[in-house]
Amino acid sequence: MIKEGPPRCAGFANPSGWVNSDIFIEWIKHFVRYSNCSHESPVLLLLDSHKSHVSVRALDLAIQHGITMLNFFPQCTHKLQPLGRTVFGPLKRFYNAACANWMVTNPRPMTIYVIVSIVREPYTRAFSPPNIQRGFQVAGIEPFNPEKHR
């Protein structure tokens, strides 16, 4: 399923198309592997308020690896979520363009097995360090700016 995906990506699937608690646990394990988080090098993980992020197993795993999880209130994610401010919009645009290009150059139907190879380049462009850093700045998180939300 993740053939030709972005470097070090992981793939998880659920018939509903949504993340569930089990998938989130697997995602945390993947995050731990590549973030090098620990009690000596703790990290803050900013999350939307999806119910899959709130389970005893997820909280235990986070505590075990030095992860502090902060869930935004549902009414605040559009203002506080860094990736929602500067990354997801470009990702959607780049991905839609890549899909349109793929459909023109491939006579077969698009399936879940080609999605990862299609999203590789849009993902890399959208999730650039400058875009991510700008998201934290625009959200007033880093540098901290409480005036952004008055």
N, C-alpha and C. Protein backbone atom coordinates (compact mmCIF):
# COMPACT_ATOMS: atom_id res chain seq x y z
N MET A 1 0.81 -1.20 0.00
CA MET A 1 0.00 0.00 0.00
C MET A 1 0.86 1.27 0.00
N ILE A 2 2.06 1.23 0.58
CA ILE A 2 2.87 2.44 0.64
C ILE A 2 4.04 2.42 -0.33
N LYS A 3 3.94 1.61 -1.34
CA LYS A 3 4.98 1.54 -2.36
C LYS A 3 5.18 2.93 -2.98
N GLU A 4 6.42 3.35 -3.07
CA GLU A 4 6.80 4.64 -3.66
C GLU A 4 6.30 5.83 -2.86
N GLY A 5 6.12 5.66 -1.56
CA GLY A 5 5.65 6.75 -0.72
C GLY A 5 6.77 7.66 -0.28
N PRO A 6 6.43 8.72 0.45
CA PRO A 6 7.45 9.62 0.99
C PRO A 6 8.41 8.84 1.89
N PRO A 7 9.64 9.32 2.05
CA PRO A 7 10.62 8.62 2.88
C PRO A 7 10.09 8.37 4.30
N ARG A 8 10.32 7.18 4.81
CA ARG A 8 9.98 6.77 6.17
C ARG A 8 8.48 6.88 6.48
N CYS A 9 7.64 6.83 5.46
CA CYS A 9 6.20 6.92 5.71
C CYS A 9 5.68 5.57 6.22
N ALA A 10 4.54 5.61 6.83
CA ALA A 10 3.86 4.39 7.30
C ALA A 10 2.44 4.44 6.77
N GLY A 11 1.89 3.29 6.50
CA GLY A 11 0.52 3.24 5.98
C GLY A 11 -0.39 2.46 6.90
N PHE A 12 -1.55 3.01 7.15
CA PHE A 12 -2.56 2.36 7.98
C PHE A 12 -3.89 2.50 7.26
N ALA A 13 -4.74 1.49 7.39
CA ALA A 13 -6.03 1.53 6.70
C ALA A 13 -7.15 1.12 7.65
N ASN A 14 -8.30 1.71 7.42
CA ASN A 14 -9.50 1.41 8.18
C ASN A 14 -10.67 1.47 7.20
N PRO A 15 -11.56 0.49 7.20
CA PRO A 15 -12.67 0.50 6.24
C PRO A 15 -13.49 1.80 6.26
N SER A 16 -13.57 2.45 7.42
CA SER A 16 -14.34 3.70 7.49
C SER A 16 -13.61 4.86 6.83
N GLY A 17 -12.29 4.72 6.65
CA GLY A 17 -11.50 5.82 6.11
C GLY A 17 -11.01 6.78 7.18
N TRP A 18 -11.40 6.57 8.41
CA TRP A 18 -11.01 7.45 9.51
C TRP A 18 -9.98 6.77 10.39
N VAL A 19 -9.23 7.57 11.12
CA VAL A 19 -8.30 7.05 12.12
C VAL A 19 -9.13 6.54 13.30
N ASN A 20 -8.70 5.42 13.87
CA ASN A 20 -9.32 4.95 15.11
C ASN A 20 -8.22 4.83 16.17
N SER A 21 -8.60 4.44 17.37
CA SER A 21 -7.63 4.37 18.47
C SER A 21 -6.47 3.42 18.18
N ASP A 22 -6.76 2.27 17.56
CA ASP A 22 -5.69 1.31 17.25
C ASP A 22 -4.70 1.88 16.23
N ILE A 23 -5.22 2.54 15.21
CA ILE A 23 -4.34 3.15 14.21
C ILE A 23 -3.51 4.27 14.84
N PHE A 24 -4.13 5.05 15.72
CA PHE A 24 -3.39 6.13 16.36
C PHE A 24 -2.25 5.58 17.22
N ILE A 25 -2.47 4.46 17.89
CA ILE A 25 -1.40 3.81 18.67
C ILE A 25 -0.23 3.45 17.74
N GLU A 26 -0.55 2.86 16.60
CA GLU A 26 0.51 2.51 15.63
C GLU A 26 1.22 3.76 15.13
N TRP A 27 0.46 4.85 14.93
CA TRP A 27 1.07 6.10 14.49
C TRP A 27 2.02 6.65 15.57
N ILE A 28 1.61 6.57 16.84
CA ILE A 28 2.49 7.04 17.91
C ILE A 28 3.79 6.23 17.91
N LYS A 29 3.69 4.93 17.74
CA LYS A 29 4.90 4.09 17.69
C LYS A 29 5.81 4.54 16.55
N HIS A 30 5.22 4.85 15.40
CA HIS A 30 5.99 5.34 14.25
C HIS A 30 6.63 6.69 14.59
N PHE A 31 5.86 7.57 15.22
CA PHE A 31 6.35 8.88 15.62
C PHE A 31 7.53 8.75 16.58
N VAL A 32 7.42 7.86 17.55
CA VAL A 32 8.49 7.64 18.52
C VAL A 32 9.77 7.20 17.81
N ARG A 33 9.62 6.31 16.85
CA ARG A 33 10.78 5.77 16.12
C ARG A 33 11.56 6.88 15.42
N TYR A 34 10.88 7.87 14.86
CA TYR A 34 11.56 8.89 14.05
C TYR A 34 11.75 10.24 14.74
N SER A 35 11.10 10.46 15.86
CA SER A 35 11.26 11.75 16.54
C SER A 35 12.37 11.71 17.59
N ASN A 36 12.79 10.51 17.97
CA ASN A 36 13.80 10.34 19.02
C ASN A 36 13.38 10.99 20.34
N CYS A 37 12.08 11.01 20.61
CA CYS A 37 11.59 11.59 21.85
C CYS A 37 11.88 10.65 23.02
N SER A 38 12.08 11.26 24.18
CA SER A 38 12.36 10.50 25.40
C SER A 38 12.12 11.44 26.57
N HIS A 39 12.27 10.92 27.78
CA HIS A 39 12.13 11.80 28.95
C HIS A 39 13.26 12.82 28.99
N GLU A 40 14.40 12.48 28.42
CA GLU A 40 15.53 13.42 28.35
C GLU A 40 15.37 14.41 27.21
N SER A 41 14.59 14.05 26.22
CA SER A 41 14.34 14.91 25.05
C SER A 41 12.83 14.88 24.75
N PRO A 42 12.04 15.52 25.63
CA PRO A 42 10.58 15.44 25.49
C PRO A 42 10.07 16.24 24.29
N VAL A 43 8.88 15.88 23.83
CA VAL A 43 8.24 16.60 22.73
C VAL A 43 6.80 16.95 23.11
N LEU A 44 6.31 17.99 22.49
CA LEU A 44 4.91 18.39 22.62
C LEU A 44 4.22 18.01 21.33
N LEU A 45 3.19 17.19 21.43
CA LEU A 45 2.44 16.73 20.26
C LEU A 45 1.10 17.45 20.25
N LEU A 46 0.90 18.33 19.27
CA LEU A 46 -0.34 19.09 19.14
C LEU A 46 -1.33 18.30 18.31
N LEU A 47 -2.55 18.14 18.83
CA LEU A 47 -3.56 17.29 18.18
C LEU A 47 -4.89 18.01 18.05
N ASP A 48 -5.65 17.62 17.04
CA ASP A 48 -7.03 18.08 17.00
C ASP A 48 -7.80 17.27 18.04
N SER A 49 -9.06 17.50 18.19
CA SER A 49 -9.81 16.87 19.28
C SER A 49 -10.49 15.56 18.86
N HIS A 50 -9.95 14.87 17.87
CA HIS A 50 -10.56 13.62 17.42
C HIS A 50 -10.52 12.58 18.54
N LYS A 51 -11.60 11.83 18.69
CA LYS A 51 -11.72 10.87 19.79
C LYS A 51 -10.65 9.77 19.75
N SER A 52 -10.07 9.50 18.59
CA SER A 52 -9.04 8.46 18.50
C SER A 52 -7.77 8.84 19.25
N HIS A 53 -7.59 10.12 19.55
CA HIS A 53 -6.39 10.59 20.23
C HIS A 53 -6.48 10.44 21.75
N VAL A 54 -7.66 10.11 22.25
CA VAL A 54 -7.86 10.06 23.69
C VAL A 54 -8.20 8.64 24.12
N SER A 55 -7.17 7.88 24.41
CA SER A 55 -7.37 6.54 24.96
C SER A 55 -6.30 6.31 26.02
N VAL A 56 -6.58 5.44 26.96
CA VAL A 56 -5.60 5.15 28.00
C VAL A 56 -4.32 4.60 27.39
N ARG A 57 -4.46 3.74 26.39
CA ARG A 57 -3.27 3.17 25.74
C ARG A 57 -2.42 4.26 25.10
N ALA A 58 -3.06 5.20 24.41
CA ALA A 58 -2.31 6.28 23.76
C ALA A 58 -1.62 7.16 24.79
N LEU A 59 -2.34 7.51 25.85
CA LEU A 59 -1.75 8.34 26.89
C LEU A 59 -0.59 7.63 27.58
N ASP A 60 -0.76 6.34 27.88
CA ASP A 60 0.33 5.58 28.51
C ASP A 60 1.56 5.53 27.61
N LEU A 61 1.36 5.29 26.33
CA LEU A 61 2.48 5.23 25.38
C LEU A 61 3.18 6.58 25.29
N ALA A 62 2.39 7.64 25.27
CA ALA A 62 2.97 8.99 25.21
C ALA A 62 3.80 9.27 26.45
N ILE A 63 3.25 9.00 27.61
CA ILE A 63 3.98 9.24 28.87
C ILE A 63 5.27 8.43 28.90
N GLN A 64 5.18 7.19 28.48
CA GLN A 64 6.34 6.28 28.48
C GLN A 64 7.49 6.83 27.64
N HIS A 65 7.18 7.62 26.60
CA HIS A 65 8.21 8.09 25.67
C HIS A 65 8.46 9.60 25.74
N GLY A 66 8.00 10.25 26.80
CA GLY A 66 8.28 11.67 26.96
C GLY A 66 7.49 12.57 26.03
N ILE A 67 6.29 12.14 25.65
CA ILE A 67 5.43 12.93 24.77
C ILE A 67 4.33 13.57 25.60
N THR A 68 4.22 14.89 25.52
CA THR A 68 3.08 15.59 26.11
C THR A 68 2.10 15.84 24.99
N MET A 69 0.88 15.33 25.15
CA MET A 69 -0.15 15.49 24.11
C MET A 69 -1.07 16.64 24.51
N LEU A 70 -1.24 17.59 23.60
CA LEU A 70 -2.14 18.72 23.83
C LEU A 70 -3.21 18.71 22.75
N ASN A 71 -4.45 18.49 23.17
CA ASN A 71 -5.58 18.49 22.23
C ASN A 71 -6.19 19.88 22.19
N PHE A 72 -6.39 20.41 21.00
CA PHE A 72 -7.07 21.69 20.84
C PHE A 72 -8.57 21.49 21.00
N PHE A 73 -9.25 22.51 21.49
CA PHE A 73 -10.71 22.48 21.52
C PHE A 73 -11.21 22.47 20.09
N PRO A 74 -12.32 21.79 19.82
CA PRO A 74 -12.82 21.70 18.43
C PRO A 74 -13.02 23.06 17.77
N GLN A 75 -13.45 24.05 18.52
CA GLN A 75 -13.72 25.37 17.95
C GLN A 75 -12.45 26.17 17.68
N CYS A 76 -11.30 25.66 18.09
CA CYS A 76 -10.05 26.41 17.96
C CYS A 76 -9.10 25.88 16.89
N THR A 77 -9.35 24.69 16.37
CA THR A 77 -8.36 24.08 15.49
C THR A 77 -8.07 24.93 14.26
N HIS A 78 -9.07 25.62 13.74
CA HIS A 78 -8.84 26.42 12.53
C HIS A 78 -7.89 27.59 12.78
N LYS A 79 -7.74 27.99 14.04
CA LYS A 79 -6.82 29.08 14.36
C LYS A 79 -5.49 28.61 14.94
N LEU A 80 -5.52 27.51 15.68
CA LEU A 80 -4.33 27.09 16.41
C LEU A 80 -3.54 25.97 15.78
N GLN A 81 -4.13 25.21 14.89
CA GLN A 81 -3.44 24.05 14.33
C GLN A 81 -2.45 24.51 13.26
N PRO A 82 -1.14 24.43 13.54
CA PRO A 82 -0.15 24.96 12.60
C PRO A 82 -0.25 24.38 11.19
N LEU A 83 -0.39 23.07 11.08
CA LEU A 83 -0.45 22.47 9.74
C LEU A 83 -1.73 22.86 9.01
N GLY A 84 -2.80 23.05 9.76
CA GLY A 84 -4.05 23.49 9.15
C GLY A 84 -3.96 24.91 8.61
N ARG A 85 -3.07 25.69 9.17
CA ARG A 85 -2.93 27.08 8.74
C ARG A 85 -2.10 27.24 7.47
N THR A 86 -1.06 26.41 7.30
CA THR A 86 -0.12 26.68 6.20
C THR A 86 0.29 25.47 5.37
N VAL A 87 -0.12 24.27 5.76
CA VAL A 87 0.35 23.07 5.05
C VAL A 87 -0.78 22.34 4.32
N PHE A 88 -1.91 22.13 4.98
CA PHE A 88 -2.96 21.31 4.37
C PHE A 88 -3.58 21.95 3.12
N GLY A 89 -3.70 23.27 3.09
CA GLY A 89 -4.22 23.93 1.89
C GLY A 89 -3.33 23.69 0.68
N PRO A 90 -2.02 23.99 0.79
CA PRO A 90 -1.13 23.67 -0.32
C PRO A 90 -1.11 22.19 -0.67
N LEU A 91 -1.17 21.31 0.34
CA LEU A 91 -1.18 19.87 0.07
C LEU A 91 -2.39 19.50 -0.80
N LYS A 92 -3.55 20.03 -0.48
CA LYS A 92 -4.75 19.73 -1.27
C LYS A 92 -4.59 20.22 -2.71
N ARG A 93 -4.07 21.43 -2.88
CA ARG A 93 -3.87 21.96 -4.23
C ARG A 93 -2.87 21.13 -5.02
N PHE A 94 -1.72 20.84 -4.41
CA PHE A 94 -0.69 20.06 -5.10
C PHE A 94 -1.19 18.65 -5.41
N TYR A 95 -1.92 18.05 -4.48
CA TYR A 95 -2.43 16.69 -4.67
C TYR A 95 -3.48 16.66 -5.78
N ASN A 96 -4.39 17.63 -5.78
CA ASN A 96 -5.41 17.68 -6.84
C ASN A 96 -4.76 17.82 -8.21
N ALA A 97 -3.73 18.65 -8.31
CA ALA A 97 -3.02 18.81 -9.58
C ALA A 97 -2.33 17.50 -9.98
N ALA A 98 -1.72 16.82 -9.01
CA ALA A 98 -1.05 15.55 -9.30
C ALA A 98 -2.05 14.49 -9.74
N CYS A 99 -3.23 14.46 -9.12
CA CYS A 99 -4.27 13.50 -9.51
C CYS A 99 -4.76 13.79 -10.93
N ALA A 100 -4.97 15.06 -11.23
CA ALA A 100 -5.42 15.43 -12.57
C ALA A 100 -4.38 15.00 -13.60
N ASN A 101 -3.11 15.24 -13.31
CA ASN A 101 -2.04 14.83 -14.21
C ASN A 101 -2.00 13.31 -14.36
N TRP A 102 -2.15 12.58 -13.26
CA TRP A 102 -2.12 11.12 -13.30
C TRP A 102 -3.26 10.59 -14.18
N MET A 103 -4.45 11.18 -14.03
CA MET A 103 -5.61 10.70 -14.80
C MET A 103 -5.44 10.94 -16.30
N VAL A 104 -4.74 12.01 -16.66
CA VAL A 104 -4.49 12.29 -18.07
C VAL A 104 -3.48 11.30 -18.65
N THR A 105 -2.51 10.91 -17.85
CA THR A 105 -1.42 10.07 -18.37
C THR A 105 -1.60 8.57 -18.11
N ASN A 106 -2.65 8.18 -17.39
CA ASN A 106 -2.89 6.77 -17.08
C ASN A 106 -4.31 6.37 -17.47
N PRO A 107 -4.45 5.38 -18.32
CA PRO A 107 -5.77 4.99 -18.79
C PRO A 107 -6.57 4.13 -17.80
N ARG A 108 -5.94 3.69 -16.73
CA ARG A 108 -6.64 2.80 -15.80
C ARG A 108 -7.26 3.60 -14.64
N PRO A 109 -8.19 2.98 -13.92
CA PRO A 109 -8.80 3.67 -12.77
C PRO A 109 -7.79 3.89 -11.65
N MET A 110 -7.96 4.97 -10.93
CA MET A 110 -7.10 5.26 -9.79
C MET A 110 -7.58 4.41 -8.61
N THR A 111 -6.66 3.72 -7.96
CA THR A 111 -6.99 2.89 -6.80
C THR A 111 -6.17 3.32 -5.60
N ILE A 112 -6.49 2.76 -4.45
CA ILE A 112 -5.72 3.11 -3.25
C ILE A 112 -4.26 2.73 -3.38
N TYR A 113 -3.94 1.81 -4.28
CA TYR A 113 -2.56 1.35 -4.43
C TYR A 113 -1.67 2.34 -5.18
N VAL A 114 -2.25 3.31 -5.86
CA VAL A 114 -1.44 4.32 -6.56
C VAL A 114 -1.45 5.66 -5.84
N ILE A 115 -2.33 5.82 -4.86
CA ILE A 115 -2.47 7.10 -4.17
C ILE A 115 -1.14 7.53 -3.54
N VAL A 116 -0.45 6.61 -2.88
CA VAL A 116 0.78 6.97 -2.18
C VAL A 116 1.84 7.48 -3.15
N SER A 117 1.97 6.84 -4.30
CA SER A 117 2.96 7.32 -5.27
C SER A 117 2.55 8.67 -5.84
N ILE A 118 1.26 8.92 -5.94
CA ILE A 118 0.78 10.22 -6.44
C ILE A 118 1.02 11.31 -5.40
N VAL A 119 0.84 11.01 -4.13
CA VAL A 119 0.94 12.03 -3.08
C VAL A 119 2.39 12.32 -2.68
N ARG A 120 3.33 11.50 -3.10
CA ARG A 120 4.72 11.67 -2.66
C ARG A 120 5.25 13.09 -2.92
N GLU A 121 5.18 13.55 -4.14
CA GLU A 121 5.72 14.87 -4.48
C GLU A 121 4.89 16.00 -3.85
N PRO A 122 3.55 15.98 -3.92
CA PRO A 122 2.78 17.02 -3.24
C PRO A 122 3.04 17.08 -1.73
N TYR A 123 3.18 15.92 -1.12
CA TYR A 123 3.45 15.85 0.32
C TYR A 123 4.79 16.51 0.63
N THR A 124 5.81 16.17 -0.13
CA THR A 124 7.15 16.72 0.09
C THR A 124 7.14 18.24 -0.09
N ARG A 125 6.43 18.73 -1.09
CA ARG A 125 6.35 20.18 -1.31
C ARG A 125 5.58 20.88 -0.20
N ALA A 126 4.44 20.33 0.20
CA ALA A 126 3.59 21.00 1.19
C ALA A 126 4.19 20.94 2.60
N PHE A 127 4.80 19.81 2.94
CA PHE A 127 5.36 19.63 4.27
C PHE A 127 6.82 20.08 4.33
N SER A 128 7.13 21.17 3.66
CA SER A 128 8.49 21.70 3.69
C SER A 128 8.74 22.36 5.05
N PRO A 129 9.97 22.35 5.54
CA PRO A 129 10.26 23.01 6.81
C PRO A 129 9.78 24.47 6.86
N PRO A 130 9.98 25.28 5.80
CA PRO A 130 9.47 26.66 5.88
C PRO A 130 7.94 26.73 6.04
N ASN A 131 7.19 25.87 5.35
CA ASN A 131 5.73 25.87 5.50
C ASN A 131 5.33 25.49 6.92
N ILE A 132 5.97 24.48 7.47
CA ILE A 132 5.65 24.03 8.82
C ILE A 132 6.00 25.12 9.83
N GLN A 133 7.18 25.71 9.72
CA GLN A 133 7.59 26.76 10.64
C GLN A 133 6.66 27.97 10.55
N ARG A 134 6.24 28.30 9.34
CA ARG A 134 5.32 29.43 9.17
C ARG A 134 3.99 29.14 9.85
N GLY A 135 3.55 27.88 9.84
CA GLY A 135 2.31 27.51 10.51
C GLY A 135 2.37 27.80 12.00
N PHE A 136 3.49 27.48 12.63
CA PHE A 136 3.64 27.76 14.06
C PHE A 136 3.64 29.27 14.32
N GLN A 137 4.26 30.02 13.41
CA GLN A 137 4.29 31.47 13.56
C GLN A 137 2.90 32.07 13.37
N VAL A 138 2.20 31.68 12.32
CA VAL A 138 0.86 32.21 12.03
C VAL A 138 -0.12 31.87 13.15
N ALA A 139 0.04 30.69 13.76
CA ALA A 139 -0.84 30.28 14.85
C ALA A 139 -0.47 30.94 16.18
N GLY A 140 0.66 31.66 16.22
CA GLY A 140 1.07 32.34 17.44
C GLY A 140 1.69 31.41 18.47
N ILE A 141 2.14 30.24 18.02
CA ILE A 141 2.73 29.26 18.94
C ILE A 141 4.22 29.48 19.11
N GLU A 142 4.93 29.70 18.01
CA GLU A 142 6.39 29.91 18.05
C GLU A 142 6.77 30.89 16.95
N PRO A 143 7.22 32.09 17.26
CA PRO A 143 7.34 32.60 18.62
C PRO A 143 5.95 32.81 19.24
N PHE A 144 5.88 32.64 20.56
CA PHE A 144 4.61 32.75 21.27
C PHE A 144 4.05 34.15 21.10
N ASN A 145 2.80 34.25 20.67
CA ASN A 145 2.16 35.54 20.45
C ASN A 145 0.68 35.44 20.79
N PRO A 146 0.32 35.66 22.06
CA PRO A 146 -1.09 35.55 22.45
C PRO A 146 -1.98 36.60 21.79
N GLU A 147 -1.38 37.67 21.27
CA GLU A 147 -2.16 38.72 20.59
C GLU A 147 -2.83 38.20 19.32
N LYS A 148 -2.34 37.11 18.76
CA LYS A 148 -2.91 36.55 17.53
C LYS A 148 -4.36 36.12 17.73
N HIS A 149 -4.77 35.89 18.99
CA HIS A 149 -6.08 35.30 19.24
C HIS A 149 -6.98 36.17 20.10
N ARG A 150 -6.77 37.44 20.06
CA ARG A 150 -7.64 38.36 20.83
C ARG A 150 -8.78 38.84 19.97
